């Protein structure tokens, strides 16, 4: 495994790759070592630092600076990561545009499994590609911020970065409901 650690205005982010492509993206970390530790914790092996994923640097820096950036990771993501169902959920996550949110129920319906809201929530929680596959754009049906591997504070910060108003006391969106 190898990792490219990129400095952004929000901190450092690590892109972890294996032989078949991008296997994981860490959450924003205050120090580069945090990215290495997160990758090691998730993958069970400490990746070797490399420049393999430098092509993502400009987009990640622009995103972290608050610029609307749509990531198009087709062909970059390791196709062997996750189950078939998880990959279907992650593919739908990639369709949620900058500045929009959906509920877990809406995402379950979009995957064609409206009865599988909890299974969809678990798949969202297993998304290994933070930011690039935007799981932070999924919220509760009432706009509550629920679940995020990088923590609810980071989820709120990413949603604010994308233009949402977040009530930090109640941990919910202030201005809109999912689907907007």
N, C-alpha and C. Protein backbone atom coordinates (compact mmCIF):
# COMPACT_ATOMS: atom_id res chain seq x y z
N UNK A 1 0.84 -1.18 0.00
CA UNK A 1 0.00 0.00 0.00
C UNK A 1 0.89 1.24 0.00
N UNK A 2 0.41 2.26 -0.69
CA UNK A 2 1.14 3.52 -0.71
C UNK A 2 0.17 4.67 -0.47
N UNK A 3 0.71 5.78 0.03
CA UNK A 3 -0.13 6.93 0.38
C UNK A 3 0.52 8.21 -0.15
N UNK A 4 -0.33 9.07 -0.68
CA UNK A 4 0.08 10.42 -1.05
C UNK A 4 -0.62 11.35 -0.08
N UNK A 5 0.14 12.10 0.71
CA UNK A 5 -0.44 13.03 1.67
C UNK A 5 -0.38 14.43 1.05
N UNK A 6 -1.52 15.08 1.02
CA UNK A 6 -1.65 16.39 0.38
C UNK A 6 -2.04 17.43 1.42
N UNK A 7 -1.34 18.55 1.41
CA UNK A 7 -1.67 19.66 2.31
C UNK A 7 -2.74 20.51 1.64
N UNK A 8 -3.78 20.85 2.41
CA UNK A 8 -4.88 21.68 1.91
C UNK A 8 -5.15 22.79 2.94
N UNK A 9 -6.00 23.74 2.59
CA UNK A 9 -6.37 24.77 3.57
C UNK A 9 -7.09 24.23 4.81
N UNK A 10 -7.62 23.01 4.77
CA UNK A 10 -8.32 22.41 5.91
C UNK A 10 -7.45 21.43 6.68
N UNK A 11 -6.21 21.25 6.27
CA UNK A 11 -5.33 20.28 6.88
C UNK A 11 -4.82 19.32 5.83
N UNK A 12 -4.35 18.19 6.28
CA UNK A 12 -3.79 17.19 5.37
C UNK A 12 -4.82 16.12 5.07
N UNK A 13 -4.73 15.54 3.88
CA UNK A 13 -5.60 14.45 3.49
C UNK A 13 -4.73 13.42 2.78
N UNK A 14 -4.99 12.15 3.04
CA UNK A 14 -4.18 11.09 2.47
C UNK A 14 -4.95 10.24 1.49
N UNK A 15 -4.36 9.97 0.35
CA UNK A 15 -4.94 9.09 -0.67
C UNK A 15 -4.14 7.80 -0.67
N UNK A 16 -4.80 6.69 -0.39
CA UNK A 16 -4.13 5.41 -0.21
C UNK A 16 -4.46 4.51 -1.39
N UNK A 17 -3.41 3.93 -1.98
CA UNK A 17 -3.62 3.08 -3.14
C UNK A 17 -2.97 1.73 -3.01
N UNK A 18 -3.57 0.82 -3.75
CA UNK A 18 -3.02 -0.52 -3.88
C UNK A 18 -2.80 -0.79 -5.36
N UNK A 19 -2.55 -2.03 -5.72
CA UNK A 19 -2.25 -2.36 -7.12
C UNK A 19 -3.38 -2.03 -8.09
N UNK A 20 -4.63 -2.05 -7.61
CA UNK A 20 -5.77 -1.86 -8.52
C UNK A 20 -6.40 -0.48 -8.44
N UNK A 21 -5.79 0.43 -7.69
CA UNK A 21 -6.33 1.79 -7.64
C UNK A 21 -6.44 2.35 -6.24
N UNK A 22 -7.20 3.42 -6.15
CA UNK A 22 -7.39 4.15 -4.89
C UNK A 22 -8.24 3.30 -3.95
N UNK A 23 -7.68 2.93 -2.80
CA UNK A 23 -8.39 2.09 -1.83
C UNK A 23 -9.05 2.87 -0.72
N UNK A 24 -8.53 4.05 -0.43
CA UNK A 24 -9.09 4.83 0.67
C UNK A 24 -8.62 6.28 0.57
N UNK A 25 -9.40 7.16 1.18
CA UNK A 25 -9.02 8.56 1.35
C UNK A 25 -9.26 8.88 2.82
N UNK A 26 -8.27 9.40 3.49
CA UNK A 26 -8.42 9.72 4.91
C UNK A 26 -9.28 10.97 5.06
N UNK A 27 -9.70 11.23 6.27
CA UNK A 27 -10.37 12.49 6.58
C UNK A 27 -9.29 13.55 6.72
N UNK A 28 -9.70 14.81 6.77
CA UNK A 28 -8.71 15.87 6.97
C UNK A 28 -8.07 15.71 8.34
N UNK A 29 -6.75 15.82 8.39
CA UNK A 29 -5.97 15.65 9.61
C UNK A 29 -5.14 16.90 9.85
N UNK A 30 -4.91 17.29 11.10
CA UNK A 30 -4.10 18.48 11.36
C UNK A 30 -2.63 18.30 11.00
N UNK A 31 -2.14 17.06 11.01
CA UNK A 31 -0.74 16.77 10.71
C UNK A 31 -0.66 15.58 9.74
N UNK A 32 0.40 15.52 8.92
CA UNK A 32 0.54 14.40 7.99
C UNK A 32 0.53 13.04 8.68
N UNK A 33 1.14 12.95 9.86
CA UNK A 33 1.18 11.67 10.58
C UNK A 33 -0.22 11.16 10.91
N UNK A 34 -1.17 12.08 11.08
CA UNK A 34 -2.54 11.67 11.34
C UNK A 34 -3.12 10.88 10.18
N UNK A 35 -2.79 11.29 8.96
CA UNK A 35 -3.26 10.57 7.77
C UNK A 35 -2.65 9.17 7.72
N UNK A 36 -1.37 9.09 8.03
CA UNK A 36 -0.70 7.78 8.04
C UNK A 36 -1.30 6.87 9.10
N UNK A 37 -1.57 7.41 10.27
CA UNK A 37 -2.15 6.62 11.36
C UNK A 37 -3.56 6.15 11.01
N UNK A 38 -4.37 7.05 10.43
CA UNK A 38 -5.74 6.67 10.04
C UNK A 38 -5.71 5.58 8.99
N UNK A 39 -4.84 5.73 8.00
CA UNK A 39 -4.74 4.71 6.95
C UNK A 39 -4.31 3.37 7.53
N UNK A 40 -3.34 3.40 8.42
CA UNK A 40 -2.88 2.16 9.04
C UNK A 40 -3.98 1.51 9.87
N UNK A 41 -4.73 2.32 10.60
CA UNK A 41 -5.82 1.80 11.41
C UNK A 41 -6.91 1.15 10.55
N UNK A 42 -7.24 1.80 9.46
CA UNK A 42 -8.30 1.29 8.58
C UNK A 42 -7.87 0.06 7.79
N UNK A 43 -6.63 0.06 7.32
CA UNK A 43 -6.19 -0.98 6.40
C UNK A 43 -5.37 -2.08 7.05
N UNK A 44 -4.92 -1.83 8.30
CA UNK A 44 -4.14 -2.84 8.99
C UNK A 44 -2.69 -2.91 8.56
N UNK A 45 -2.26 -1.97 7.74
CA UNK A 45 -0.87 -1.93 7.30
C UNK A 45 -0.48 -0.46 7.12
N UNK A 46 0.73 -0.12 7.49
CA UNK A 46 1.20 1.27 7.34
C UNK A 46 1.63 1.47 5.89
N UNK A 47 0.98 2.37 5.16
CA UNK A 47 1.35 2.58 3.76
C UNK A 47 2.68 3.34 3.63
N UNK A 48 3.32 3.14 2.51
CA UNK A 48 4.57 3.82 2.19
C UNK A 48 4.23 5.12 1.47
N UNK A 49 4.89 6.20 1.84
CA UNK A 49 4.62 7.48 1.21
C UNK A 49 5.12 7.49 -0.23
N UNK A 50 4.27 8.03 -1.14
CA UNK A 50 4.64 8.14 -2.55
C UNK A 50 3.89 9.32 -3.17
N UNK A 51 4.22 9.68 -4.36
CA UNK A 51 3.55 10.76 -5.08
C UNK A 51 2.54 10.26 -6.09
N UNK A 52 2.15 9.02 -5.98
CA UNK A 52 1.28 8.38 -6.97
C UNK A 52 -0.01 9.14 -7.25
N UNK A 53 -0.59 9.75 -6.24
CA UNK A 53 -1.90 10.39 -6.42
C UNK A 53 -1.83 11.92 -6.43
N UNK A 54 -0.69 12.47 -6.82
CA UNK A 54 -0.52 13.93 -6.89
C UNK A 54 -1.51 14.58 -7.86
N UNK A 55 -2.03 13.84 -8.82
CA UNK A 55 -2.99 14.40 -9.78
C UNK A 55 -4.26 14.92 -9.09
N UNK A 56 -4.53 14.44 -7.88
CA UNK A 56 -5.71 14.87 -7.13
C UNK A 56 -5.47 16.15 -6.34
N UNK A 57 -4.22 16.58 -6.25
CA UNK A 57 -3.83 17.68 -5.36
C UNK A 57 -4.60 18.97 -5.63
N UNK A 58 -4.65 19.42 -6.86
CA UNK A 58 -5.31 20.68 -7.17
C UNK A 58 -6.79 20.65 -6.80
N UNK A 59 -7.48 19.58 -7.17
CA UNK A 59 -8.92 19.48 -6.85
C UNK A 59 -9.17 19.45 -5.35
N UNK A 60 -8.36 18.71 -4.61
CA UNK A 60 -8.55 18.63 -3.17
C UNK A 60 -8.27 19.97 -2.49
N UNK A 61 -7.25 20.67 -2.94
CA UNK A 61 -6.95 21.99 -2.37
C UNK A 61 -8.07 22.97 -2.67
N UNK A 62 -8.57 22.96 -3.90
CA UNK A 62 -9.67 23.87 -4.26
C UNK A 62 -10.92 23.55 -3.44
N UNK A 63 -11.22 22.25 -3.30
CA UNK A 63 -12.38 21.84 -2.48
C UNK A 63 -12.23 22.36 -1.06
N UNK A 64 -11.07 22.12 -0.45
CA UNK A 64 -10.84 22.51 0.94
C UNK A 64 -10.87 24.03 1.12
N UNK A 65 -10.64 24.77 0.06
CA UNK A 65 -10.70 26.23 0.11
C UNK A 65 -12.12 26.75 -0.10
N UNK A 66 -13.07 25.84 -0.35
CA UNK A 66 -14.46 26.24 -0.50
C UNK A 66 -14.94 26.40 -1.93
N UNK A 67 -14.16 25.98 -2.86
CA UNK A 67 -14.55 26.07 -4.27
C UNK A 67 -15.38 24.84 -4.65
N UNK A 68 -16.49 25.03 -5.35
CA UNK A 68 -17.26 23.86 -5.80
C UNK A 68 -16.43 22.99 -6.74
N UNK A 69 -16.18 21.79 -6.32
CA UNK A 69 -15.39 20.85 -7.10
C UNK A 69 -16.17 19.54 -7.15
N UNK A 70 -16.36 19.02 -8.33
CA UNK A 70 -16.96 17.70 -8.47
C UNK A 70 -15.83 16.73 -8.78
N UNK A 71 -15.72 15.69 -8.00
CA UNK A 71 -14.69 14.69 -8.22
C UNK A 71 -15.23 13.63 -9.17
N UNK A 72 -14.43 13.22 -10.10
CA UNK A 72 -14.80 12.17 -11.05
C UNK A 72 -13.78 11.06 -10.96
N UNK A 73 -13.96 10.17 -9.99
CA UNK A 73 -12.94 9.16 -9.76
C UNK A 73 -13.05 7.92 -10.64
N UNK A 74 -13.89 7.96 -11.69
CA UNK A 74 -14.03 6.77 -12.53
C UNK A 74 -12.68 6.23 -12.95
N UNK A 75 -12.51 4.95 -12.76
CA UNK A 75 -11.27 4.31 -13.14
C UNK A 75 -10.16 4.41 -12.10
N UNK A 76 -10.33 5.30 -11.11
CA UNK A 76 -9.31 5.47 -10.09
C UNK A 76 -9.56 4.62 -8.86
N UNK A 77 -10.83 4.34 -8.57
CA UNK A 77 -11.18 3.61 -7.36
C UNK A 77 -10.93 2.12 -7.55
N UNK A 78 -10.37 1.49 -6.53
CA UNK A 78 -10.12 0.06 -6.58
C UNK A 78 -11.46 -0.67 -6.67
N UNK A 79 -11.71 -1.40 -7.76
CA UNK A 79 -13.02 -2.05 -7.96
C UNK A 79 -13.29 -3.22 -7.02
N UNK A 80 -12.29 -3.65 -6.27
CA UNK A 80 -12.47 -4.79 -5.38
C UNK A 80 -12.82 -4.38 -3.95
N UNK A 81 -12.91 -3.09 -3.69
CA UNK A 81 -13.24 -2.62 -2.35
C UNK A 81 -14.76 -2.70 -2.17
N UNK A 82 -15.21 -3.30 -1.08
CA UNK A 82 -16.62 -3.35 -0.74
C UNK A 82 -17.39 -4.48 -1.41
N UNK A 83 -18.62 -4.64 -0.94
CA UNK A 83 -19.52 -5.63 -1.53
C UNK A 83 -20.24 -5.00 -2.72
N UNK A 84 -20.95 -5.80 -3.47
CA UNK A 84 -21.71 -5.28 -4.61
C UNK A 84 -22.72 -4.22 -4.15
N UNK A 85 -23.40 -4.50 -3.04
CA UNK A 85 -24.37 -3.54 -2.51
C UNK A 85 -23.69 -2.24 -2.09
N UNK A 86 -22.57 -2.35 -1.36
CA UNK A 86 -21.85 -1.15 -0.93
C UNK A 86 -21.40 -0.32 -2.14
N UNK A 87 -20.88 -0.99 -3.17
CA UNK A 87 -20.45 -0.27 -4.36
C UNK A 87 -21.61 0.44 -5.04
N UNK A 88 -22.81 -0.16 -5.00
CA UNK A 88 -23.99 0.50 -5.58
C UNK A 88 -24.34 1.75 -4.79
N UNK A 89 -24.27 1.67 -3.47
CA UNK A 89 -24.55 2.84 -2.62
C UNK A 89 -23.50 3.91 -2.88
N UNK A 90 -22.24 3.52 -2.93
CA UNK A 90 -21.17 4.50 -3.15
C UNK A 90 -21.29 5.17 -4.51
N UNK A 91 -21.74 4.42 -5.51
CA UNK A 91 -21.94 5.01 -6.85
C UNK A 91 -23.02 6.10 -6.78
N UNK A 92 -24.08 5.85 -6.02
CA UNK A 92 -25.14 6.86 -5.85
C UNK A 92 -24.63 8.07 -5.07
N UNK A 93 -23.77 7.84 -4.09
CA UNK A 93 -23.19 8.97 -3.34
C UNK A 93 -22.46 9.92 -4.29
N UNK A 94 -21.78 9.35 -5.26
CA UNK A 94 -21.02 10.18 -6.20
C UNK A 94 -21.92 11.05 -7.06
N UNK A 95 -23.20 10.75 -7.11
CA UNK A 95 -24.14 11.53 -7.91
C UNK A 95 -24.73 12.72 -7.14
N UNK A 96 -24.46 12.80 -5.85
CA UNK A 96 -24.99 13.92 -5.05
C UNK A 96 -24.09 15.13 -5.31
N UNK A 97 -24.63 16.18 -5.93
CA UNK A 97 -23.76 17.31 -6.29
C UNK A 97 -23.39 18.19 -5.11
N UNK A 98 -22.34 18.96 -5.30
CA UNK A 98 -21.87 19.97 -4.36
C UNK A 98 -23.07 20.80 -3.90
N UNK A 99 -23.15 21.06 -2.60
CA UNK A 99 -24.20 21.93 -2.08
C UNK A 99 -25.55 21.26 -1.88
N UNK A 100 -25.68 20.00 -2.18
CA UNK A 100 -26.93 19.27 -2.01
C UNK A 100 -26.78 18.24 -0.91
N UNK A 101 -27.89 17.87 -0.31
CA UNK A 101 -27.91 16.77 0.65
C UNK A 101 -29.09 15.88 0.33
N UNK A 102 -28.99 14.62 0.72
CA UNK A 102 -30.10 13.69 0.62
C UNK A 102 -30.23 12.97 1.96
N UNK A 103 -31.39 12.40 2.19
CA UNK A 103 -31.57 11.61 3.41
C UNK A 103 -31.18 10.17 3.13
N UNK A 104 -31.00 9.41 4.20
CA UNK A 104 -30.69 8.00 4.06
C UNK A 104 -31.83 7.29 3.34
N UNK A 105 -33.08 7.68 3.62
CA UNK A 105 -34.23 7.08 2.96
C UNK A 105 -34.23 7.40 1.46
N UNK A 106 -33.91 8.63 1.11
CA UNK A 106 -33.84 9.00 -0.30
C UNK A 106 -32.74 8.22 -1.01
N UNK A 107 -31.62 8.04 -0.34
CA UNK A 107 -30.52 7.28 -0.92
C UNK A 107 -30.92 5.81 -1.10
N UNK A 108 -31.60 5.25 -0.12
CA UNK A 108 -32.07 3.86 -0.22
C UNK A 108 -33.01 3.70 -1.41
N UNK A 109 -33.91 4.65 -1.59
CA UNK A 109 -34.83 4.61 -2.74
C UNK A 109 -34.06 4.71 -4.06
N UNK A 110 -33.05 5.58 -4.09
CA UNK A 110 -32.25 5.77 -5.30
C UNK A 110 -31.47 4.50 -5.68
N UNK A 111 -31.12 3.70 -4.67
CA UNK A 111 -30.40 2.45 -4.91
C UNK A 111 -31.38 1.35 -5.32
N UNK A 112 -32.67 1.63 -5.20
CA UNK A 112 -33.67 0.63 -5.54
C UNK A 112 -34.04 -0.28 -4.39
N UNK A 113 -33.68 0.12 -3.17
CA UNK A 113 -33.96 -0.67 -1.97
C UNK A 113 -34.55 0.22 -0.88
N UNK A 114 -35.76 0.78 -1.12
CA UNK A 114 -36.32 1.73 -0.15
C UNK A 114 -36.52 1.17 1.25
N UNK A 115 -36.62 -0.15 1.37
CA UNK A 115 -36.81 -0.77 2.68
C UNK A 115 -35.49 -0.97 3.42
N UNK A 116 -34.37 -0.69 2.77
CA UNK A 116 -33.06 -1.01 3.33
C UNK A 116 -32.32 0.22 3.84
N UNK A 117 -33.03 1.10 4.52
CA UNK A 117 -32.42 2.35 4.99
C UNK A 117 -31.23 2.08 5.91
N UNK A 118 -31.38 1.15 6.84
CA UNK A 118 -30.27 0.88 7.76
C UNK A 118 -29.07 0.25 7.04
N UNK A 119 -29.34 -0.64 6.11
CA UNK A 119 -28.25 -1.24 5.33
C UNK A 119 -27.53 -0.18 4.51
N UNK A 120 -28.29 0.76 3.97
CA UNK A 120 -27.70 1.87 3.23
C UNK A 120 -26.84 2.71 4.18
N UNK A 121 -27.35 2.97 5.38
CA UNK A 121 -26.59 3.72 6.37
C UNK A 121 -25.27 3.04 6.71
N UNK A 122 -25.30 1.71 6.84
CA UNK A 122 -24.06 0.97 7.12
C UNK A 122 -23.09 1.09 5.95
N UNK A 123 -23.61 0.99 4.72
CA UNK A 123 -22.75 1.11 3.53
C UNK A 123 -22.15 2.51 3.45
N UNK A 124 -22.95 3.53 3.75
CA UNK A 124 -22.43 4.90 3.77
C UNK A 124 -21.31 5.00 4.80
N UNK A 125 -21.52 4.39 5.95
CA UNK A 125 -20.52 4.43 7.02
C UNK A 125 -19.23 3.69 6.67
N UNK A 126 -19.30 2.77 5.73
CA UNK A 126 -18.11 2.02 5.32
C UNK A 126 -17.40 2.66 4.13
N UNK A 127 -17.92 3.76 3.62
CA UNK A 127 -17.30 4.43 2.48
C UNK A 127 -15.84 4.75 2.80
N UNK A 128 -14.90 4.18 2.05
CA UNK A 128 -13.49 4.42 2.37
C UNK A 128 -12.90 5.66 1.71
N UNK A 129 -13.67 6.35 0.87
CA UNK A 129 -13.13 7.47 0.09
C UNK A 129 -13.72 8.80 0.55
N UNK A 130 -13.35 9.23 1.75
CA UNK A 130 -13.86 10.49 2.30
C UNK A 130 -13.70 11.62 1.29
N UNK A 131 -14.66 12.51 1.25
CA UNK A 131 -14.71 13.71 0.41
C UNK A 131 -14.90 13.36 -1.07
N UNK A 132 -14.09 12.48 -1.63
CA UNK A 132 -14.18 12.15 -3.06
C UNK A 132 -15.49 11.44 -3.36
N UNK A 133 -15.91 10.54 -2.50
CA UNK A 133 -17.23 9.92 -2.56
C UNK A 133 -17.97 10.53 -1.37
N UNK A 134 -18.81 11.56 -1.63
CA UNK A 134 -19.27 12.48 -0.57
C UNK A 134 -20.35 11.95 0.37
N UNK A 135 -19.96 11.07 1.28
CA UNK A 135 -20.91 10.53 2.25
C UNK A 135 -21.36 11.58 3.26
N UNK A 136 -20.61 12.67 3.38
CA UNK A 136 -21.01 13.74 4.32
C UNK A 136 -22.29 14.44 3.85
N UNK A 137 -22.71 14.22 2.61
CA UNK A 137 -23.92 14.86 2.07
C UNK A 137 -25.19 14.08 2.37
N UNK A 138 -25.09 13.05 3.20
CA UNK A 138 -26.26 12.27 3.60
C UNK A 138 -26.59 12.62 5.04
N UNK A 139 -27.85 13.00 5.27
CA UNK A 139 -28.31 13.43 6.59
C UNK A 139 -29.61 12.72 6.93
N UNK A 140 -30.06 12.89 8.17
CA UNK A 140 -31.33 12.33 8.57
C UNK A 140 -32.48 12.99 7.83
N UNK A 141 -33.64 12.34 7.80
CA UNK A 141 -34.80 12.85 7.08
C UNK A 141 -35.23 14.23 7.56
N UNK A 142 -34.94 14.54 8.81
CA UNK A 142 -35.31 15.84 9.38
C UNK A 142 -34.16 16.85 9.32
N UNK A 143 -33.09 16.51 8.60
CA UNK A 143 -31.95 17.41 8.48
C UNK A 143 -30.90 17.24 9.56
N UNK A 144 -31.09 16.26 10.47
CA UNK A 144 -30.09 16.04 11.51
C UNK A 144 -28.80 15.48 10.91
N UNK A 145 -27.68 15.89 11.48
CA UNK A 145 -26.40 15.34 11.07
C UNK A 145 -26.17 14.07 11.87
N UNK A 146 -26.17 12.97 11.19
CA UNK A 146 -25.97 11.68 11.87
C UNK A 146 -24.84 10.94 11.19
N UNK A 147 -23.98 10.36 12.00
CA UNK A 147 -22.92 9.51 11.53
C UNK A 147 -21.96 10.14 10.54
N UNK A 148 -20.69 10.05 10.85
CA UNK A 148 -19.63 10.41 9.91
C UNK A 148 -18.32 9.90 10.49
N UNK A 149 -17.58 9.17 9.71
CA UNK A 149 -16.34 8.56 10.18
C UNK A 149 -15.33 9.56 10.72
N UNK A 150 -15.34 10.76 10.18
CA UNK A 150 -14.43 11.80 10.65
C UNK A 150 -14.98 12.60 11.81
N UNK A 151 -16.19 12.24 12.27
CA UNK A 151 -16.85 12.93 13.37
C UNK A 151 -17.88 13.94 12.88
N UNK A 152 -18.88 14.18 13.70
CA UNK A 152 -19.97 15.08 13.33
C UNK A 152 -19.47 16.51 13.12
N UNK A 153 -18.48 16.95 13.89
CA UNK A 153 -17.95 18.31 13.70
C UNK A 153 -17.37 18.48 12.30
N UNK A 154 -16.65 17.46 11.81
CA UNK A 154 -16.09 17.55 10.46
C UNK A 154 -17.20 17.50 9.42
N UNK A 155 -18.22 16.67 9.65
CA UNK A 155 -19.35 16.62 8.72
C UNK A 155 -20.00 17.99 8.64
N UNK A 156 -20.23 18.63 9.78
CA UNK A 156 -20.82 19.97 9.80
C UNK A 156 -19.93 20.96 9.05
N UNK A 157 -18.63 20.88 9.28
CA UNK A 157 -17.70 21.80 8.61
C UNK A 157 -17.72 21.61 7.10
N UNK A 158 -17.79 20.36 6.63
CA UNK A 158 -17.83 20.11 5.19
C UNK A 158 -19.13 20.61 4.59
N UNK A 159 -20.24 20.43 5.30
CA UNK A 159 -21.52 20.93 4.79
C UNK A 159 -21.52 22.46 4.77
N UNK A 160 -20.94 23.08 5.78
CA UNK A 160 -20.82 24.55 5.79
C UNK A 160 -19.93 25.02 4.65
N UNK A 161 -18.86 24.31 4.41
CA UNK A 161 -17.96 24.63 3.31
C UNK A 161 -18.72 24.63 1.98
N UNK A 162 -19.72 23.76 1.87
CA UNK A 162 -20.51 23.64 0.66
C UNK A 162 -21.74 24.55 0.66
N UNK A 163 -21.82 25.45 1.64
CA UNK A 163 -22.87 26.46 1.63
C UNK A 163 -24.08 26.21 2.51
N UNK A 164 -24.08 25.14 3.26
CA UNK A 164 -25.21 24.86 4.16
C UNK A 164 -25.04 25.59 5.48
N UNK A 165 -26.16 25.97 6.06
CA UNK A 165 -26.15 26.54 7.40
C UNK A 165 -26.45 25.41 8.38
N UNK A 166 -25.57 25.26 9.34
CA UNK A 166 -25.69 24.16 10.30
C UNK A 166 -25.90 24.73 11.70
N UNK A 167 -26.92 24.24 12.38
CA UNK A 167 -27.14 24.57 13.79
C UNK A 167 -26.23 23.65 14.59
N UNK A 168 -25.12 24.17 15.07
CA UNK A 168 -24.13 23.36 15.77
C UNK A 168 -24.62 22.88 17.13
N UNK A 169 -25.56 23.59 17.72
CA UNK A 169 -26.12 23.16 19.01
C UNK A 169 -27.00 21.92 18.84
N UNK A 170 -27.86 21.95 17.82
CA UNK A 170 -28.80 20.86 17.61
C UNK A 170 -28.29 19.83 16.59
N UNK A 171 -27.14 20.11 15.98
CA UNK A 171 -26.53 19.24 14.98
C UNK A 171 -27.51 18.90 13.86
N UNK A 172 -28.01 19.95 13.22
CA UNK A 172 -28.93 19.77 12.10
C UNK A 172 -28.79 20.93 11.14
N UNK A 173 -29.26 20.72 9.93
CA UNK A 173 -29.27 21.79 8.94
C UNK A 173 -30.28 22.84 9.37
N UNK A 174 -29.96 24.11 9.16
CA UNK A 174 -30.88 25.19 9.53
C UNK A 174 -31.85 25.54 8.42
N UNK A 175 -31.37 25.49 7.20
CA UNK A 175 -32.12 26.14 6.12
C UNK A 175 -32.89 25.21 5.22
N UNK A 176 -32.61 23.97 5.24
CA UNK A 176 -33.26 23.14 4.23
C UNK A 176 -33.37 21.71 4.69
N UNK A 177 -34.11 20.97 3.93
CA UNK A 177 -34.27 19.55 4.19
C UNK A 177 -33.56 18.76 3.09
N UNK A 178 -33.33 17.49 3.32
CA UNK A 178 -32.70 16.67 2.29
C UNK A 178 -33.42 16.76 0.96
N UNK A 179 -32.66 16.68 -0.11
CA UNK A 179 -33.20 16.79 -1.45
C UNK A 179 -32.99 18.19 -2.01
N UNK A 180 -32.42 19.09 -1.20
CA UNK A 180 -32.19 20.46 -1.65
C UNK A 180 -30.73 20.79 -1.58
